[in-house]
Structures are given as C-alpha cells and as structure tokens.
PDB file of N, CA and C in Angstrom:
ATOM      1  N   MET A   1      -6.446 -19.364  20.402  1.00  0.00           N
ATOM      2  CA  MET A   1      -6.117 -18.316  19.626  1.00  0.00           C
ATOM      3  C   MET A   1      -7.355 -17.165  20.002  1.00  0.00           C
ATOM      4  N   LYS A   2      -6.923 -16.471  20.703  1.00  0.00           N
ATOM      5  CA  LYS A   2      -7.825 -15.241  20.757  1.00  0.00           C
ATOM      6  C   LYS A   2      -7.570 -14.146  18.991  1.00  0.00           C
ATOM      7  N   LEU A   3      -8.701 -13.984  18.260  1.00  0.00           N
ATOM      8  CA  LEU A   3      -8.494 -13.015  17.643  1.00  0.00           C
ATOM      9  C   LEU A   3      -8.760 -11.389  17.209  1.00  0.00           C
ATOM     10  N   THR A   4      -9.560 -11.165  18.288  1.00  0.00           N
ATOM     11  CA  THR A   4      -9.902 -10.124  18.937  1.00  0.00           C
ATOM     12  C   THR A   4     -10.009  -9.947  20.907  1.00  0.00           C
ATOM     13  N   ALA A   5      -9.335  -8.678  21.168  1.00  0.00           N
ATOM     14  CA  ALA A   5      -9.460  -8.751  22.759  1.00  0.00           C
ATOM     15  C   ALA A   5      -9.677  -7.153  22.787  1.00  0.00           C
ATOM     16  N   ILE A   6     -10.623  -6.966  23.875  1.00  0.00           N
ATOM     17  CA  ILE A   6     -10.554  -5.059  24.122  1.00  0.00           C
ATOM     18  C   ILE A   6     -10.867  -4.914  25.921  1.00  0.00           C
ATOM     19  N   PHE A   7     -10.189  -3.860  26.271  1.00  0.00           N
ATOM     20  CA  PHE A   7     -10.581  -3.930  27.718  1.00  0.00           C
ATOM     21  C   PHE A   7     -10.532  -1.951  27.956  1.00  0.00           C
ATOM     22  N   PHE A   8     -11.229  -1.461  28.876  1.00  0.00           N
ATOM     23  CA  PHE A   8     -11.751  -0.306  28.976  1.00  0.00           C
ATOM     24  C   PHE A   8     -12.108   0.073  30.186  1.00  0.00           C
ATOM     25  N   LYS A   9     -11.692   0.791  30.525  1.00  0.00           N
ATOM     26  CA  LYS A   9     -12.445   1.838  32.542  1.00  0.00           C
ATOM     27  C   LYS A   9     -11.523   2.408  32.318  1.00  0.00           C
ATOM     28  N   ASP A  10     -12.120   3.286  33.334  1.00  0.00           N
ATOM     29  CA  ASP A  10     -11.988   4.509  33.899  1.00  0.00           C
ATOM     30  C   ASP A  10     -10.590   5.705  32.643  1.00  0.00           C
ATOM     31  N   GLY A  11     -11.029   5.888  31.997  1.00  0.00           N
ATOM     32  CA  GLY A  11      -9.566   6.672  30.975  1.00  0.00           C
ATOM     33  C   GLY A  11      -8.928   5.903  31.262  1.00  0.00           C
ATOM     34  N   TYR A  12      -8.800   4.811  31.267  1.00  0.00           N
ATOM     35  CA  TYR A  12      -7.583   3.872  30.257  1.00  0.00           C
ATOM     36  C   TYR A  12      -7.949   2.734  29.633  1.00  0.00           C
ATOM     37  N   GLY A  13      -7.404   1.863  28.410  1.00  0.00           N
ATOM     38  CA  GLY A  13      -8.314   0.881  27.690  1.00  0.00           C
ATOM     39  C   GLY A  13      -7.501   0.965  26.202  1.00  0.00           C
ATOM     40  N   TRP A  14      -6.966  -0.856  26.019  1.00  0.00           N
ATOM     41  CA  TRP A  14      -6.607  -1.411  25.053  1.00  0.00           C
ATOM     42  C   TRP A  14      -7.397  -2.020  23.792  1.00  0.00           C
ATOM     43  N   PHE A  15      -7.202  -2.319  23.254  1.00  0.00           N
ATOM     44  CA  PHE A  15      -7.285  -3.197  22.221  1.00  0.00           C
ATOM     45  C   PHE A  15      -6.559  -4.156  21.717  1.00  0.00           C
ATOM     46  N   ARG A  16      -6.673  -5.253  20.830  1.00  0.00           N
ATOM     47  CA  ARG A  16      -5.648  -6.052  20.542  1.00  0.00           C
ATOM     48  C   ARG A  16      -6.599  -7.163  19.393  1.00  0.00           C
ATOM     49  N   ILE A  17      -5.951  -6.786  18.016  1.00  0.00           N
ATOM     50  CA  ILE A  17      -6.131  -7.957  16.910  1.00  0.00           C
ATOM     51  C   ILE A  17      -5.779  -8.956  15.666  1.00  0.00           C
ATOM     52  N   LEU A  18      -5.185  -9.818  16.112  1.00  0.00           N
ATOM     53  CA  LEU A  18      -4.942 -10.740  15.441  1.00  0.00           C
ATOM     54  C   LEU A  18      -3.041 -10.606  16.113  1.00  0.00           C
ATOM     55  N   GLY A  19      -3.025 -10.074  17.589  1.00  0.00           N
ATOM     56  CA  GLY A  19      -1.853  -9.831  17.732  1.00  0.00           C
ATOM     57  C   GLY A  19      -1.169  -8.691  18.015  1.00  0.00           C
ATOM     58  N   LYS A  20      -1.609  -7.627  17.353  1.00  0.00           N
ATOM     59  CA  LYS A  20      -1.222  -6.480  17.148  1.00  0.00           C
ATOM     60  C   LYS A  20      -2.494  -5.450  17.853  1.00  0.00           C
ATOM     61  N   GLY A  21      -1.799  -4.511  18.619  1.00  0.00           N
ATOM     62  CA  GLY A  21      -2.767  -3.595  19.287  1.00  0.00           C
ATOM     63  C   GLY A  21      -2.140  -2.335  19.794  1.00  0.00           C
ATOM     64  N   LEU A  22      -2.849  -1.750  19.836  1.00  0.00           N
ATOM     65  CA  LEU A  22      -2.885   0.287  21.052  1.00  0.00           C
ATOM     66  C   LEU A  22      -3.174  -0.028  22.694  1.00  0.00           C
ATOM     67  N   TYR A  23      -3.309   0.908  22.844  1.00  0.00           N
ATOM     68  CA  TYR A  23      -3.943   1.110  24.629  1.00  0.00           C
ATOM     69  C   TYR A  23      -3.463   3.034  24.400  1.00  0.00           C
ATOM     70  N   TRP A  24      -4.327   3.271  24.942  1.00  0.00           N
ATOM     71  CA  TRP A  24      -4.314   4.524  25.622  1.00  0.00           C
ATOM     72  C   TRP A  24      -4.724   4.753  26.872  1.00  0.00           C
ATOM     73  N   LYS A  25      -4.675   6.041  27.827  1.00  0.00           N
ATOM     74  CA  LYS A  25      -4.787   6.290  28.818  1.00  0.00           C
ATOM     75  C   LYS A  25      -4.780   7.631  29.340  1.00  0.00           C
ATOM     76  N   ASP A  26      -5.505   8.287  30.332  1.00  0.00           N
ATOM     77  CA  ASP A  26      -5.779   9.928  30.083  1.00  0.00           C
ATOM     78  C   ASP A  26      -4.560  10.097  31.193  1.00  0.00           C
ATOM     79  N   ILE A  27      -3.848  10.668  30.974  1.00  0.00           N
ATOM     80  CA  ILE A  27      -2.676  11.235  32.216  1.00  0.00           C
ATOM     81  C   ILE A  27      -3.191  11.856  33.192  1.00  0.00           C
ATOM     82  N   ASN A  28      -4.132  12.330  33.543  1.00  0.00           N
ATOM     83  CA  ASN A  28      -4.473  13.298  34.536  1.00  0.00           C
ATOM     84  C   ASN A  28      -5.292  12.352  35.572  1.00  0.00           C
ATOM     85  N   ARG A  29      -5.306  11.189  34.948  1.00  0.00           N
ATOM     86  CA  ARG A  29      -6.220  10.130  36.248  1.00  0.00           C
ATOM     87  C   ARG A  29      -4.918   9.136  36.768  1.00  0.00           C
ATOM     88  N   HIS A  30      -4.286   8.887  35.247  1.00  0.00           N
ATOM     89  CA  HIS A  30      -3.217   7.560  35.359  1.00  0.00           C
ATOM     90  C   HIS A  30      -1.883   8.267  35.277  1.00  0.00           C
ATOM     91  N   PRO A  31      -0.936   8.373  36.047  1.00  0.00           N
ATOM     92  CA  PRO A  31       0.343   8.526  36.096  1.00  0.00           C
ATOM     93  C   PRO A  31       1.021   7.719  35.199  1.00  0.00           C
ATOM     94  N   LEU A  32       2.706   8.405  34.463  1.00  0.00           N
ATOM     95  CA  LEU A  32       2.940   7.948  33.519  1.00  0.00           C
ATOM     96  C   LEU A  32       3.798   6.413  34.381  1.00  0.00           C
ATOM     97  N   ILE A  33       3.951   5.842  33.493  1.00  0.00           N
ATOM     98  CA  ILE A  33       5.259   5.207  34.276  1.00  0.00           C
ATOM     99  C   ILE A  33       6.459   5.697  33.909  1.00  0.00           C
ATOM    100  N   PHE A  34       7.495   4.178  34.684  1.00  0.00           N
ATOM    101  CA  PHE A  34       8.708   4.441  34.089  1.00  0.00           C
ATOM    102  C   PHE A  34       9.479   4.850  32.425  1.00  0.00           C
ATOM    103  N   SER A  35       9.132   4.232  31.827  1.00  0.00           N
ATOM    104  CA  SER A  35       9.489   3.666  30.216  1.00  0.00           C
ATOM    105  C   SER A  35       8.673   5.209  29.779  1.00  0.00           C
ATOM    106  N   GLU A  36       7.576   5.321  30.308  1.00  0.00           N
ATOM    107  CA  GLU A  36       6.800   6.291  29.035  1.00  0.00           C
ATOM    108  C   GLU A  36       7.349   7.978  29.837  1.00  0.00           C
ATOM    109  N   GLN A  37       8.324   7.868  31.015  1.00  0.00           N
ATOM    110  CA  GLN A  37       8.409   9.330  31.337  1.00  0.00           C
ATOM    111  C   GLN A  37       9.737   9.670  30.884  1.00  0.00           C
ATOM    112  N   TYR A  38      10.659   8.442  30.562  1.00  0.00           N
ATOM    113  CA  TYR A  38      12.565   8.050  29.913  1.00  0.00           C
ATOM    114  C   TYR A  38      12.353   8.310  28.853  1.00  0.00           C
ATOM    115  N   GLY A  39      10.925   7.964  27.862  1.00  0.00           N
ATOM    116  CA  GLY A  39      10.878   8.134  26.622  1.00  0.00           C
ATOM    117  C   GLY A  39      12.040   6.506  26.032  1.00  0.00           C
ATOM    118  N   PHE A  40      12.061   5.348  26.715  1.00  0.00           N
ATOM    119  CA  PHE A  40      11.957   4.093  26.221  1.00  0.00           C
ATOM    120  C   PHE A  40      10.719   3.404  25.640  1.00  0.00           C
ATOM    121  N   LYS A  41      10.289   4.029  25.907  1.00  0.00           N
ATOM    122  CA  LYS A  41       8.385   3.237  24.833  1.00  0.00           C
ATOM    123  C   LYS A  41       8.260   4.535  24.539  1.00  0.00           C
ATOM    124  N   LYS A  42       7.786   4.166  23.026  1.00  0.00           N
ATOM    125  CA  LYS A  42       7.205   4.840  22.422  1.00  0.00           C
ATOM    126  C   LYS A  42       5.593   5.281  22.475  1.00  0.00           C
ATOM    127  N   VAL A  43       5.404   6.939  22.538  1.00  0.00           N
ATOM    128  CA  VAL A  43       4.094   6.843  22.860  1.00  0.00           C
ATOM    129  C   VAL A  43       3.866   8.429  21.692  1.00  0.00           C
ATOM    130  N   PHE A  44       2.617   8.807  21.800  1.00  0.00           N
ATOM    131  CA  PHE A  44       1.614   9.565  20.764  1.00  0.00           C
ATOM    132  C   PHE A  44       0.581  10.178  21.962  1.00  0.00           C
ATOM    133  N   THR A  45       1.526  11.444  21.580  1.00  0.00           N
ATOM    134  CA  THR A  45       0.645  12.045  23.348  1.00  0.00           C
ATOM    135  C   THR A  45      -0.563  13.419  22.383  1.00  0.00           C
ATOM    136  N   ILE A  46      -2.424  13.145  22.639  1.00  0.00           N
ATOM    137  CA  ILE A  46      -2.982  14.179  22.243  1.00  0.00           C
ATOM    138  C   ILE A  46      -3.636  14.653  23.154  1.00  0.00           C
ATOM    139  N   GLY A  47      -3.218  16.214  23.718  1.00  0.00           N
ATOM    140  CA  GLY A  47      -4.131  16.868  25.201  1.00  0.00           C
ATOM    141  C   GLY A  47      -3.819  15.830  26.043  1.00  0.00           C
ATOM    142  N   LYS A  48      -4.410  15.657  26.581  1.00  0.00           N
ATOM    143  CA  LYS A  48      -4.526  14.298  27.813  1.00  0.00           C
ATOM    144  C   LYS A  48      -4.271  13.454  27.982  1.00  0.00           C
ATOM    145  N   TRP A  49      -4.169  12.229  26.212  1.00  0.00           N
ATOM    146  CA  TRP A  49      -4.589  11.265  26.154  1.00  0.00           C
ATOM    147  C   TRP A  49      -3.132  10.867  25.879  1.00  0.00           C
ATOM    148  N   ARG A  50      -2.554   9.459  26.107  1.00  0.00           N
ATOM    149  CA  ARG A  50      -1.248   8.844  25.846  1.00  0.00           C
ATOM    150  C   ARG A  50      -1.829   7.730  24.389  1.00  0.00           C
ATOM    151  N   ILE A  51      -1.099   7.714  23.645  1.00  0.00           N
ATOM    152  CA  ILE A  51      -1.266   5.896  22.839  1.00  0.00           C
ATOM    153  C   ILE A  51      -0.510   5.602  22.162  1.00  0.00           C
ATOM    154  N   GLY A  52      -0.558   4.536  22.442  1.00  0.00           N
ATOM    155  CA  GLY A  52       0.945   3.821  22.306  1.00  0.00           C
ATOM    156  C   GLY A  52       1.015   2.130  21.649  1.00  0.00           C
ATOM    157  N   LEU A  53       1.838   1.576  21.434  1.00  0.00           N
ATOM    158  CA  LEU A  53       1.723   0.507  20.428  1.00  0.00           C
ATOM    159  C   LEU A  53       1.345  -0.926  21.621  1.00  0.00           C
ATOM    160  N   LEU A  54       1.369  -2.456  21.166  1.00  0.00           N
ATOM    161  CA  LEU A  54       1.521  -3.292  22.218  1.00  0.00           C
ATOM    162  C   LEU A  54       1.685  -3.999  22.081  1.00  0.00           C
ATOM    163  N   LYS A  55       2.647  -4.910  22.547  1.00  0.00           N
ATOM    164  CA  LYS A  55       3.994  -5.854  22.024  1.00  0.00           C
ATOM    165  C   LYS A  55       2.932  -7.047  21.856  1.00  0.00           C
TER     166      LYS A  55
END
C-alpha cells in the first residue's frame, strides 16, 4: 500500500496521503465535468481554481 502519491501537469493536479486527498484544476484550461457543473460533486472555487476532495 502506498502512503503518498502526487500528480500535477498543465493546471491540474492531485495528491493523496493515507487514502485521503485533494485535487485542483484551472477552469480556464480544463472544462468542468458534469458532476461539477450540476453540483453533484462538492468543490470550492477560488478565482479560476477548483479544489475538491478525492474519494
């Protein structure tokens, strides 16, 4: 079992520690997915950045 993992590239990224994690993305570069557009996925918007929890 991995304890940590991280990925980032071109305005998108995520990290996970002990099974819990966050992701972020630049909404000017990456369009919103269906669940983000219609509120099925809980996310925070700070300027042009979307930040959410990983399951």
